[in-house]
Amino acid sequence: MEVDTRQYVQGLKDTGGQWSLTFSNNDDLHDAWDELTTAYETAKANNLATWAVIYIPNLSKSCFVTFEPGKIPLTDIAVSEALNAEISNTINEYKGWLDAVEPA
């Protein structure tokens, strides 16, 4: 399966670029996201990329992307509603659906 891309200049593809992830907004998220963004900055300084592998149980493929993590936004707060954070990230390169890699 191939993702729809548009080529504007030689070698530069647009995969949509924006990738939103929604998490429960709690201390675990903040700790994990701080760790991720620190690792991202270290990798970037060394000309390395931050990878995400999207594993879906019972699917023979995983989706692979390199991306820049966004910031945790101020979330909507409402009575009797889950406190979720939708984090907007930037996809640098869409590698696509390849053989599944199950998390260890």
Protein backbone atom coordinates (compact mmCIF):
# COMPACT_ATOMS: atom_id res chain seq x y z
CA MET A 1 0.00 0.00 0.00
CA GLU A 2 1.40 3.37 -0.98
CA VAL A 3 0.55 6.69 0.61
CA ASP A 4 -0.63 9.51 -1.64
CA THR A 5 2.22 11.99 -2.00
CA ARG A 6 2.74 15.12 -4.11
CA GLN A 7 6.08 16.12 -5.49
CA TYR A 8 6.66 19.87 -5.72
CA VAL A 9 10.40 19.96 -6.41
CA GLN A 10 12.78 17.18 -7.24
CA GLY A 11 13.24 14.91 -4.24
CA LEU A 12 10.87 16.78 -1.91
CA LYS A 13 7.63 14.95 -1.12
CA ASP A 14 4.65 16.07 0.94
CA THR A 15 3.11 13.31 3.09
CA GLY A 16 0.71 15.62 4.84
CA GLY A 17 3.35 16.48 7.41
CA GLN A 18 1.09 16.82 10.43
CA TRP A 19 0.50 13.82 12.69
CA SER A 20 -1.72 14.16 15.76
CA LEU A 21 -1.53 11.73 18.66
CA THR A 22 -3.98 11.74 21.55
CA PHE A 23 -2.95 10.67 25.05
CA SER A 24 -4.37 10.79 28.54
CA ASN A 25 -2.90 13.97 30.03
CA ASN A 26 -1.16 12.78 33.19
CA ASP A 27 2.29 12.75 34.82
CA ASP A 28 3.30 9.60 32.89
CA LEU A 29 2.67 11.41 29.60
CA HIS A 30 4.69 14.45 30.68
CA ASP A 31 7.60 12.29 31.88
CA ALA A 32 7.62 10.17 28.72
CA TRP A 33 7.25 13.19 26.41
CA ASP A 34 10.08 15.05 28.18
CA GLU A 35 12.27 11.97 27.67
CA LEU A 36 11.25 11.72 24.01
CA THR A 37 11.89 15.40 23.24
CA THR A 38 15.29 15.26 24.98
CA ALA A 39 16.22 12.19 22.90
CA TYR A 40 14.94 13.98 19.77
CA GLU A 41 17.14 17.05 20.44
CA THR A 42 20.19 14.83 21.07
CA ALA A 43 19.54 12.86 17.87
CA LYS A 44 19.00 16.03 15.84
CA ALA A 45 22.31 17.48 17.08
CA ASN A 46 24.01 14.31 15.80
CA ASN A 47 22.20 14.35 12.41
CA LEU A 48 20.00 11.40 13.43
CA ALA A 49 16.25 11.01 13.17
CA THR A 50 13.54 10.10 15.65
CA TRP A 51 11.58 7.07 14.49
CA ALA A 52 8.10 5.83 15.31
CA VAL A 53 6.87 2.36 14.54
CA ILE A 54 3.10 1.99 14.72
CA TYR A 55 2.32 -1.59 15.71
CA ILE A 56 -1.25 -2.85 15.45
CA PRO A 57 -1.91 -6.30 16.95
CA ASN A 58 -3.10 -8.90 14.42
CA LEU A 59 -1.90 -6.80 11.46
CA SER A 60 1.03 -8.14 9.44
CA LYS A 61 2.36 -4.63 8.76
CA SER A 62 3.68 -1.80 10.94
CA CYS A 63 3.87 1.83 9.82
CA PHE A 64 7.27 3.53 9.99
CA VAL A 65 7.88 7.31 10.08
CA THR A 66 10.56 9.72 11.18
CA PHE A 67 9.13 12.73 12.98
CA GLU A 68 9.65 15.80 15.14
CA PRO A 69 7.69 15.66 18.40
CA GLY A 70 5.39 18.57 19.16
CA LYS A 71 4.63 20.22 22.48
CA ILE A 72 1.95 19.09 24.90
CA PRO A 73 -0.81 21.70 24.53
CA LEU A 74 -3.10 23.20 27.13
CA THR A 75 -6.01 20.79 27.01
CA ASP A 76 -9.74 21.38 27.12
CA ILE A 77 -11.05 20.94 30.64
CA ALA A 78 -14.67 19.94 31.23
CA VAL A 79 -16.59 18.35 34.08
CA SER A 80 -16.95 14.55 33.75
CA GLU A 81 -14.72 14.45 30.66
CA ALA A 82 -11.41 12.66 30.16
CA LEU A 83 -8.40 14.97 30.30
CA ASN A 84 -6.75 14.20 26.96
CA ALA A 85 -3.88 15.92 25.18
CA GLU A 86 -3.74 15.94 21.39
CA ILE A 87 -0.12 16.50 20.42
CA SER A 88 0.60 17.74 16.89
CA ASN A 89 3.84 16.30 15.49
CA THR A 90 5.63 16.79 12.17
CA ILE A 91 6.38 13.84 9.91
CA ASN A 92 9.78 14.26 8.28
CA GLU A 93 9.69 11.11 6.21
CA TYR A 94 6.96 8.57 5.68
CA LYS A 95 8.63 5.18 5.29
CA GLY A 96 5.32 3.35 4.92
CA TRP A 97 3.87 0.00 5.86
CA LEU A 98 6.52 -2.69 6.19
CA ASP A 99 6.69 -6.07 7.92
CA ALA A 100 5.29 -5.80 11.43
CA VAL A 101 7.66 -5.21 14.32
CA GLU A 102 6.07 -6.28 17.59
CA PRO A 103 7.18 -4.26 20.63
CA ALA A 104 9.28 -6.15 23.15
